[in-house]
Amino acid sequence: MHTDWHVCGLVVQARPEHIAAVRSALNQLAGSEVAGDDAGTGKLAVVMEAADSKTLLEQIELARNISGVLAVSLVYHQQNEQGEEAP
């Protein structure tokens, strides 16, 4: 049985006046966590994880559609495949 695990790092650019609402909405997405932000520039560092790439891409798209978000940039992606090999 194989288990995939995907994690990515994103920079989310939001309107500075909306950063608190965007931070809250990002933290509510499954597998997402805002690791840090700069309220003055409206930038947030976000970590997302999911069991497969399709789910991860859907989560990124949800982040893009949050009100107040101007841009989402993928800066890091890692995939680990874990599992047992057949004898």
PDB file of N, CA and C in Angstrom:
ATOM      1  N   MET A   1       0.838  -1.183   0.000  1.00  0.00           N
ATOM      2  CA  MET A   1       0.000   0.000   0.000  1.00  0.00           C
ATOM      3  C   MET A   1       0.879   1.241   0.000  1.00  0.00           C
ATOM      4  N   HIS A   2       0.583   2.183  -0.882  1.00  0.00           N
ATOM      5  CA  HIS A   2       1.359   3.414  -0.973  1.00  0.00           C
ATOM      6  C   HIS A   2       0.546   4.585  -0.444  1.00  0.00           C
ATOM      7  N   THR A   3       1.231   5.460   0.247  1.00  0.00           N
ATOM      8  CA  THR A   3       0.612   6.668   0.764  1.00  0.00           C
ATOM      9  C   THR A   3       1.421   7.858   0.276  1.00  0.00           C
ATOM     10  N   ASP A   4       0.783   8.773  -0.423  1.00  0.00           N
ATOM     11  CA  ASP A   4       1.444   9.997  -0.865  1.00  0.00           C
ATOM     12  C   ASP A   4       1.191  11.099   0.146  1.00  0.00           C
ATOM     13  N   TRP A   5       2.118  12.015   0.186  1.00  0.00           N
ATOM     14  CA  TRP A   5       1.996  13.181   1.046  1.00  0.00           C
ATOM     15  C   TRP A   5       2.594  14.349   0.286  1.00  0.00           C
ATOM     16  N   HIS A   6       1.844  15.408   0.148  1.00  0.00           N
ATOM     17  CA  HIS A   6       2.296  16.599  -0.561  1.00  0.00           C
ATOM     18  C   HIS A   6       2.274  17.784   0.390  1.00  0.00           C
ATOM     19  N   VAL A   7       3.290  18.602   0.301  1.00  0.00           N
ATOM     20  CA  VAL A   7       3.323  19.845   1.078  1.00  0.00           C
ATOM     21  C   VAL A   7       3.847  20.945   0.161  1.00  0.00           C
ATOM     22  N   CYS A   8       3.313  22.145   0.348  1.00  0.00           N
ATOM     23  CA  CYS A   8       3.799  23.266  -0.443  1.00  0.00           C
ATOM     24  C   CYS A   8       3.861  24.522   0.405  1.00  0.00           C
ATOM     25  N   GLY A   9       4.716  25.417  -0.021  1.00  0.00           N
ATOM     26  CA  GLY A   9       4.825  26.731   0.583  1.00  0.00           C
ATOM     27  C   GLY A   9       4.331  27.767  -0.409  1.00  0.00           C
ATOM     28  N   LEU A  10       3.517  28.678   0.063  1.00  0.00           N
ATOM     29  CA  LEU A  10       2.932  29.712  -0.787  1.00  0.00           C
ATOM     30  C   LEU A  10       3.200  31.089  -0.199  1.00  0.00           C
ATOM     31  N   VAL A  11       3.313  32.068  -1.068  1.00  0.00           N
ATOM     32  CA  VAL A  11       3.248  33.464  -0.651  1.00  0.00           C
ATOM     33  C   VAL A  11       1.925  33.986  -1.189  1.00  0.00           C
ATOM     34  N   VAL A  12       1.092  34.447  -0.289  1.00  0.00           N
ATOM     35  CA  VAL A  12      -0.208  34.999  -0.657  1.00  0.00           C
ATOM     36  C   VAL A  12      -0.140  36.508  -0.495  1.00  0.00           C
ATOM     37  N   GLN A  13      -0.427  37.211  -1.574  1.00  0.00           N
ATOM     38  CA  GLN A  13      -0.472  38.673  -1.541  1.00  0.00           C
ATOM     39  C   GLN A  13      -1.924  39.088  -1.391  1.00  0.00           C
ATOM     40  N   ALA A  14      -2.205  39.801  -0.312  1.00  0.00           N
ATOM     41  CA  ALA A  14      -3.564  40.266  -0.049  1.00  0.00           C
ATOM     42  C   ALA A  14      -3.563  41.786   0.065  1.00  0.00           C
ATOM     43  N   ARG A  15      -4.739  42.347  -0.053  1.00  0.00           N
ATOM     44  CA  ARG A  15      -4.868  43.778   0.219  1.00  0.00           C
ATOM     45  C   ARG A  15      -4.557  43.968   1.712  1.00  0.00           C
ATOM     46  N   PRO A  16      -3.648  44.873   2.052  1.00  0.00           N
ATOM     47  CA  PRO A  16      -3.254  45.041   3.458  1.00  0.00           C
ATOM     48  C   PRO A  16      -4.434  45.257   4.403  1.00  0.00           C
ATOM     49  N   GLU A  17      -5.464  45.952   3.946  1.00  0.00           N
ATOM     50  CA  GLU A  17      -6.613  46.206   4.818  1.00  0.00           C
ATOM     51  C   GLU A  17      -7.467  44.953   5.028  1.00  0.00           C
ATOM     52  N   HIS A  18      -7.204  43.895   4.278  1.00  0.00           N
ATOM     53  CA  HIS A  18      -7.985  42.651   4.395  1.00  0.00           C
ATOM     54  C   HIS A  18      -7.161  41.505   4.981  1.00  0.00           C
ATOM     55  N   ILE A  19      -5.945  41.794   5.449  1.00  0.00           N
ATOM     56  CA  ILE A  19      -5.042  40.709   5.830  1.00  0.00           C
ATOM     57  C   ILE A  19      -5.592  39.851   6.974  1.00  0.00           C
ATOM     58  N   ALA A  20      -6.260  40.443   7.937  1.00  0.00           N
ATOM     59  CA  ALA A  20      -6.803  39.651   9.053  1.00  0.00           C
ATOM     60  C   ALA A  20      -7.867  38.667   8.563  1.00  0.00           C
ATOM     61  N   ALA A  21      -8.753  39.119   7.692  1.00  0.00           N
ATOM     62  CA  ALA A  21      -9.804  38.245   7.159  1.00  0.00           C
ATOM     63  C   ALA A  21      -9.212  37.160   6.271  1.00  0.00           C
ATOM     64  N   VAL A  22      -8.207  37.520   5.468  1.00  0.00           N
ATOM     65  CA  VAL A  22      -7.561  36.536   4.591  1.00  0.00           C
ATOM     66  C   VAL A  22      -6.831  35.500   5.440  1.00  0.00           C
ATOM     67  N   ARG A  23      -6.108  35.938   6.475  1.00  0.00           N
ATOM     68  CA  ARG A  23      -5.412  35.008   7.382  1.00  0.00           C
ATOM     69  C   ARG A  23      -6.403  34.018   7.986  1.00  0.00           C
ATOM     70  N   SER A  24      -7.514  34.512   8.456  1.00  0.00           N
ATOM     71  CA  SER A  24      -8.531  33.655   9.062  1.00  0.00           C
ATOM     72  C   SER A  24      -9.081  32.652   8.053  1.00  0.00           C
ATOM     73  N   ALA A  25      -9.393  33.116   6.845  1.00  0.00           N
ATOM     74  CA  ALA A  25      -9.943  32.227   5.808  1.00  0.00           C
ATOM     75  C   ALA A  25      -8.923  31.166   5.404  1.00  0.00           C
ATOM     76  N   LEU A  26      -7.651  31.542   5.280  1.00  0.00           N
ATOM     77  CA  LEU A  26      -6.609  30.574   4.926  1.00  0.00           C
ATOM     78  C   LEU A  26      -6.460  29.516   6.011  1.00  0.00           C
ATOM     79  N   ASN A  27      -6.480  29.933   7.261  1.00  0.00           N
ATOM     80  CA  ASN A  27      -6.344  28.981   8.366  1.00  0.00           C
ATOM     81  C   ASN A  27      -7.524  28.026   8.460  1.00  0.00           C
ATOM     82  N   GLN A  28      -8.653  28.382   7.875  1.00  0.00           N
ATOM     83  CA  GLN A  28      -9.829  27.514   7.898  1.00  0.00           C
ATOM     84  C   GLN A  28      -9.817  26.472   6.781  1.00  0.00           C
ATOM     85  N   LEU A  29      -8.942  26.644   5.783  1.00  0.00           N
ATOM     86  CA  LEU A  29      -8.836  25.650   4.725  1.00  0.00           C
ATOM     87  C   LEU A  29      -8.170  24.392   5.288  1.00  0.00           C
ATOM     88  N   ALA A  30      -8.705  23.244   4.954  1.00  0.00           N
ATOM     89  CA  ALA A  30      -8.146  21.980   5.443  1.00  0.00           C
ATOM     90  C   ALA A  30      -6.680  21.858   5.026  1.00  0.00           C
ATOM     91  N   GLY A  31      -5.830  21.503   5.976  1.00  0.00           N
ATOM     92  CA  GLY A  31      -4.416  21.289   5.690  1.00  0.00           C
ATOM     93  C   GLY A  31      -3.615  22.555   5.487  1.00  0.00           C
ATOM     94  N   SER A  32      -4.171  23.715   5.837  1.00  0.00           N
ATOM     95  CA  SER A  32      -3.492  24.997   5.610  1.00  0.00           C
ATOM     96  C   SER A  32      -3.160  25.673   6.932  1.00  0.00           C
ATOM     97  N   GLU A  33      -2.031  26.368   6.922  1.00  0.00           N
ATOM     98  CA  GLU A  33      -1.629  27.131   8.101  1.00  0.00           C
ATOM     99  C   GLU A  33      -0.846  28.356   7.655  1.00  0.00           C
ATOM    100  N   VAL A  34      -1.220  29.521   8.180  1.00  0.00           N
ATOM    101  CA  VAL A  34      -0.457  30.735   7.925  1.00  0.00           C
ATOM    102  C   VAL A  34       0.710  30.729   8.903  1.00  0.00           C
ATOM    103  N   ALA A  35       1.924  30.654   8.347  1.00  0.00           N
ATOM    104  CA  ALA A  35       3.127  30.576   9.181  1.00  0.00           C
ATOM    105  C   ALA A  35       3.607  31.958   9.603  1.00  0.00           C
ATOM    106  N   GLY A  36       3.243  32.979   8.846  1.00  0.00           N
ATOM    107  CA  GLY A  36       3.638  34.336   9.182  1.00  0.00           C
ATOM    108  C   GLY A  36       3.016  35.313   8.208  1.00  0.00           C
ATOM    109  N   ASP A  37       3.008  36.584   8.598  1.00  0.00           N
ATOM    110  CA  ASP A  37       2.463  37.599   7.703  1.00  0.00           C
ATOM    111  C   ASP A  37       3.084  38.944   7.985  1.00  0.00           C
ATOM    112  N   ASP A  38       2.953  39.832   7.022  1.00  0.00           N
ATOM    113  CA  ASP A  38       3.397  41.208   7.144  1.00  0.00           C
ATOM    114  C   ASP A  38       2.200  42.087   6.805  1.00  0.00           C
ATOM    115  N   ALA A  39       1.564  42.614   7.829  1.00  0.00           N
ATOM    116  CA  ALA A  39       0.344  43.399   7.639  1.00  0.00           C
ATOM    117  C   ALA A  39       0.592  44.645   6.793  1.00  0.00           C
ATOM    118  N   GLY A  40       1.789  45.199   6.862  1.00  0.00           N
ATOM    119  CA  GLY A  40       2.087  46.409   6.105  1.00  0.00           C
ATOM    120  C   GLY A  40       2.098  46.197   4.606  1.00  0.00           C
ATOM    121  N   THR A  41       2.584  45.035   4.177  1.00  0.00           N
ATOM    122  CA  THR A  41       2.657  44.740   2.745  1.00  0.00           C
ATOM    123  C   THR A  41       1.528  43.834   2.276  1.00  0.00           C
ATOM    124  N   GLY A  42       0.829  43.193   3.212  1.00  0.00           N
ATOM    125  CA  GLY A  42      -0.260  42.289   2.854  1.00  0.00           C
ATOM    126  C   GLY A  42       0.216  40.911   2.428  1.00  0.00           C
ATOM    127  N   LYS A  43       1.463  40.560   2.747  1.00  0.00           N
ATOM    128  CA  LYS A  43       1.996  39.254   2.359  1.00  0.00           C
ATOM    129  C   LYS A  43       1.850  38.248   3.494  1.00  0.00           C
ATOM    130  N   LEU A  44       1.470  37.025   3.113  1.00  0.00           N
ATOM    131  CA  LEU A  44       1.336  35.931   4.077  1.00  0.00           C
ATOM    132  C   LEU A  44       2.138  34.737   3.581  1.00  0.00           C
ATOM    133  N   ALA A  45       2.851  34.081   4.477  1.00  0.00           N
ATOM    134  CA  ALA A  45       3.544  32.826   4.182  1.00  0.00           C
ATOM    135  C   ALA A  45       2.629  31.702   4.639  1.00  0.00           C
ATOM    136  N   VAL A  46       2.298  30.792   3.719  1.00  0.00           N
ATOM    137  CA  VAL A  46       1.303  29.758   3.979  1.00  0.00           C
ATOM    138  C   VAL A  46       1.892  28.389   3.671  1.00  0.00           C
ATOM    139  N   VAL A  47       1.618  27.429   4.544  1.00  0.00           N
ATOM    140  CA  VAL A  47       1.992  26.037   4.314  1.00  0.00           C
ATOM    141  C   VAL A  47       0.702  25.251   4.117  1.00  0.00           C
ATOM    142  N   MET A  48       0.670  24.445   3.043  1.00  0.00           N
ATOM    143  CA  MET A  48      -0.488  23.580   2.781  1.00  0.00           C
ATOM    144  C   MET A  48       0.005  22.152   2.616  1.00  0.00           C
ATOM    145  N   GLU A  49      -0.810  21.212   3.098  1.00  0.00           N
ATOM    146  CA  GLU A  49      -0.487  19.811   2.887  1.00  0.00           C
ATOM    147  C   GLU A  49      -1.751  19.043   2.517  1.00  0.00           C
ATOM    148  N   ALA A  50      -1.546  17.959   1.764  1.00  0.00           N
ATOM    149  CA  ALA A  50      -2.662  17.123   1.336  1.00  0.00           C
ATOM    150  C   ALA A  50      -2.135  15.739   0.996  1.00  0.00           C
ATOM    151  N   ALA A  51      -3.047  14.799   0.896  1.00  0.00           N
ATOM    152  CA  ALA A  51      -2.681  13.415   0.600  1.00  0.00           C
ATOM    153  C   ALA A  51      -2.390  13.193  -0.880  1.00  0.00           C
ATOM    154  N   ASP A  52      -2.846  14.096  -1.751  1.00  0.00           N
ATOM    155  CA  ASP A  52      -2.598  13.926  -3.181  1.00  0.00           C
ATOM    156  C   ASP A  52      -2.515  15.290  -3.858  1.00  0.00           C
ATOM    157  N   SER A  53      -1.929  15.301  -5.051  1.00  0.00           N
ATOM    158  CA  SER A  53      -1.707  16.569  -5.747  1.00  0.00           C
ATOM    159  C   SER A  53      -3.009  17.231  -6.179  1.00  0.00           C
ATOM    160  N   LYS A  54      -4.011  16.448  -6.540  1.00  0.00           N
ATOM    161  CA  LYS A  54      -5.299  17.022  -6.951  1.00  0.00           C
ATOM    162  C   LYS A  54      -5.912  17.833  -5.813  1.00  0.00           C
ATOM    163  N   THR A  55      -5.913  17.270  -4.616  1.00  0.00           N
ATOM    164  CA  THR A  55      -6.465  17.971  -3.452  1.00  0.00           C
ATOM    165  C   THR A  55      -5.657  19.223  -3.149  1.00  0.00           C
ATOM    166  N   LEU A  56      -4.339  19.128  -3.257  1.00  0.00           N
ATOM    167  CA  LEU A  56      -3.489  20.284  -2.997  1.00  0.00           C
ATOM    168  C   LEU A  56      -3.787  21.405  -3.995  1.00  0.00           C
ATOM    169  N   LEU A  57      -3.931  21.069  -5.259  1.00  0.00           N
ATOM    170  CA  LEU A  57      -4.257  22.081  -6.269  1.00  0.00           C
ATOM    171  C   LEU A  57      -5.625  22.703  -6.019  1.00  0.00           C
ATOM    172  N   GLU A  58      -6.579  21.907  -5.577  1.00  0.00           N
ATOM    173  CA  GLU A  58      -7.896  22.444  -5.241  1.00  0.00           C
ATOM    174  C   GLU A  58      -7.803  23.419  -4.074  1.00  0.00           C
ATOM    175  N   GLN A  59      -6.972  23.106  -3.070  1.00  0.00           N
ATOM    176  CA  GLN A  59      -6.792  23.994  -1.918  1.00  0.00           C
ATOM    177  C   GLN A  59      -6.147  25.316  -2.345  1.00  0.00           C
ATOM    178  N   ILE A  60      -5.164  25.228  -3.244  1.00  0.00           N
ATOM    179  CA  ILE A  60      -4.516  26.446  -3.745  1.00  0.00           C
ATOM    180  C   ILE A  60      -5.533  27.315  -4.491  1.00  0.00           C
ATOM    181  N   GLU A  61      -6.377  26.679  -5.283  1.00  0.00           N
ATOM    182  CA  GLU A  61      -7.408  27.421  -6.015  1.00  0.00           C
ATOM    183  C   GLU A  61      -8.402  28.079  -5.050  1.00  0.00           C
ATOM    184  N   LEU A  62      -8.752  27.383  -3.978  1.00  0.00           N
ATOM    185  CA  LEU A  62      -9.631  27.987  -2.968  1.00  0.00           C
ATOM    186  C   LEU A  62      -8.969  29.212  -2.352  1.00  0.00           C
ATOM    187  N   ALA A  63      -7.667  29.142  -2.103  1.00  0.00           N
ATOM    188  CA  ALA A  63      -6.941  30.289  -1.549  1.00  0.00           C
ATOM    189  C   ALA A  63      -6.984  31.467  -2.520  1.00  0.00           C
ATOM    190  N   ARG A  64      -6.825  31.190  -3.813  1.00  0.00           N
ATOM    191  CA  ARG A  64      -6.873  32.254  -4.829  1.00  0.00           C
ATOM    192  C   ARG A  64      -8.222  32.974  -4.836  1.00  0.00           C
ATOM    193  N   ASN A  65      -9.266  32.255  -4.495  1.00  0.00           N
ATOM    194  CA  ASN A  65     -10.616  32.810  -4.577  1.00  0.00           C
ATOM    195  C   ASN A  65     -11.093  33.491  -3.296  1.00  0.00           C
ATOM    196  N   ILE A  66     -10.255  33.576  -2.287  1.00  0.00           N
ATOM    197  CA  ILE A  66     -10.633  34.272  -1.054  1.00  0.00           C
ATOM    198  C   ILE A  66     -10.711  35.775  -1.344  1.00  0.00           C
ATOM    199  N   SER A  67     -11.767  36.387  -0.878  1.00  0.00           N
ATOM    200  CA  SER A  67     -11.935  37.827  -1.067  1.00  0.00           C
ATOM    201  C   SER A  67     -10.769  38.585  -0.432  1.00  0.00           C
ATOM    202  N   GLY A  68     -10.186  39.496  -1.181  1.00  0.00           N
ATOM    203  CA  GLY A  68      -9.057  40.276  -0.686  1.00  0.00           C
ATOM    204  C   GLY A  68      -7.710  39.731  -1.137  1.00  0.00           C
ATOM    205  N   VAL A  69      -7.670  38.519  -1.707  1.00  0.00           N
ATOM    206  CA  VAL A  69      -6.422  37.942  -2.206  1.00  0.00           C
ATOM    207  C   VAL A  69      -6.148  38.494  -3.599  1.00  0.00           C
ATOM    208  N   LEU A  70      -4.929  38.981  -3.795  1.00  0.00           N
ATOM    209  CA  LEU A  70      -4.521  39.529  -5.086  1.00  0.00           C
ATOM    210  C   LEU A  70      -3.750  38.503  -5.912  1.00  0.00           C
ATOM    211  N   ALA A  71      -2.913  37.691  -5.248  1.00  0.00           N
ATOM    212  CA  ALA A  71      -2.091  36.711  -5.960  1.00  0.00           C
ATOM    213  C   ALA A  71      -1.652  35.610  -5.010  1.00  0.00           C
ATOM    214  N   VAL A  72      -1.434  34.428  -5.578  1.00  0.00           N
ATOM    215  CA  VAL A  72      -0.898  33.291  -4.826  1.00  0.00           C
ATOM    216  C   VAL A  72       0.286  32.757  -5.618  1.00  0.00           C
ATOM    217  N   SER A  73       1.453  32.695  -4.980  1.00  0.00           N
ATOM    218  CA  SER A  73       2.664  32.216  -5.646  1.00  0.00           C
ATOM    219  C   SER A  73       3.169  30.956  -4.955  1.00  0.00           C
ATOM    220  N   LEU A  74       3.359  29.904  -5.731  1.00  0.00           N
ATOM    221  CA  LEU A  74       3.926  28.661  -5.224  1.00  0.00           C
ATOM    222  C   LEU A  74       5.436  28.828  -5.163  1.00  0.00           C
ATOM    223  N   VAL A  75       6.017  28.655  -3.976  1.00  0.00           N
ATOM    224  CA  VAL A  75       7.467  28.817  -3.832  1.00  0.00           C
ATOM    225  C   VAL A  75       8.161  27.513  -3.461  1.00  0.00           C
ATOM    226  N   TYR A  76       7.387  26.485  -3.086  1.00  0.00           N
ATOM    227  CA  TYR A  76       7.989  25.215  -2.689  1.00  0.00           C
ATOM    228  C   TYR A  76       6.949  24.114  -2.803  1.00  0.00           C
ATOM    229  N   HIS A  77       7.374  22.949  -3.272  1.00  0.00           N
ATOM    230  CA  HIS A  77       6.492  21.780  -3.306  1.00  0.00           C
ATOM    231  C   HIS A  77       7.338  20.537  -3.085  1.00  0.00           C
ATOM    232  N   GLN A  78       6.856  19.655  -2.239  1.00  0.00           N
ATOM    233  CA  GLN A  78       7.531  18.385  -2.013  1.00  0.00           C
ATOM    234  C   GLN A  78       6.496  17.278  -1.963  1.00  0.00           C
ATOM    235  N   GLN A  79       6.851  16.149  -2.566  1.00  0.00           N
ATOM    236  CA  GLN A  79       5.999  14.972  -2.529  1.00  0.00           C
ATOM    237  C   GLN A  79       6.819  13.824  -1.962  1.00  0.00           C
ATOM    238  N   ASN A  80       6.238  13.143  -1.005  1.00  0.00           N
ATOM    239  CA  ASN A  80       6.848  11.931  -0.470  1.00  0.00           C
ATOM    240  C   ASN A  80       5.894  10.785  -0.697  1.00  0.00           C
ATOM    241  N   GLU A  81       6.421   9.718  -1.263  1.00  0.00           N
ATOM    242  CA  GLU A  81       5.627   8.526  -1.439  1.00  0.00           C
ATOM    243  C   GLU A  81       6.141   7.496  -0.438  1.00  0.00           C
ATOM    244  N   GLN A  82       5.236   7.017   0.388  1.00  0.00           N
ATOM    245  CA  GLN A  82       5.602   6.047   1.408  1.00  0.00           C
ATOM    246  C   GLN A  82       4.783   4.788   1.181  1.00  0.00           C
ATOM    247  N   GLY A  83       5.342   3.691   1.513  1.00  0.00           N
ATOM    248  CA  GLY A  83       4.588   2.459   1.370  1.00  0.00           C
ATOM    249  C   GLY A  83       5.466   1.237   1.443  1.00  0.00           C
ATOM    250  N   GLU A  84       4.840   0.114   1.370  1.00  0.00           N
ATOM    251  CA  GLU A  84       5.540  -1.149   1.437  1.00  0.00           C
ATOM    252  C   GLU A  84       5.720  -1.688   0.031  1.00  0.00           C
ATOM    253  N   GLU A  85       6.889  -2.238  -0.212  1.00  0.00           N
ATOM    254  CA  GLU A  85       7.145  -2.851  -1.509  1.00  0.00           C
ATOM    255  C   GLU A  85       6.649  -4.281  -1.490  1.00  0.00           C
ATOM    256  N   ALA A  86       6.148  -4.715  -2.640  1.00  0.00           N
ATOM    257  CA  ALA A  86       5.664  -6.091  -2.739  1.00  0.00           C
ATOM    258  C   ALA A  86       6.839  -7.059  -2.727  1.00  0.00           C
ATOM    259  N   PRO A  87       6.688  -8.212  -2.085  1.00  0.00           N
ATOM    260  CA  PRO A  87       7.789  -9.180  -2.033  1.00  0.00           C
ATOM    261  C   PRO A  87       8.060  -9.809  -3.388  1.00  0.00           C
TER     262      PRO A  87
END
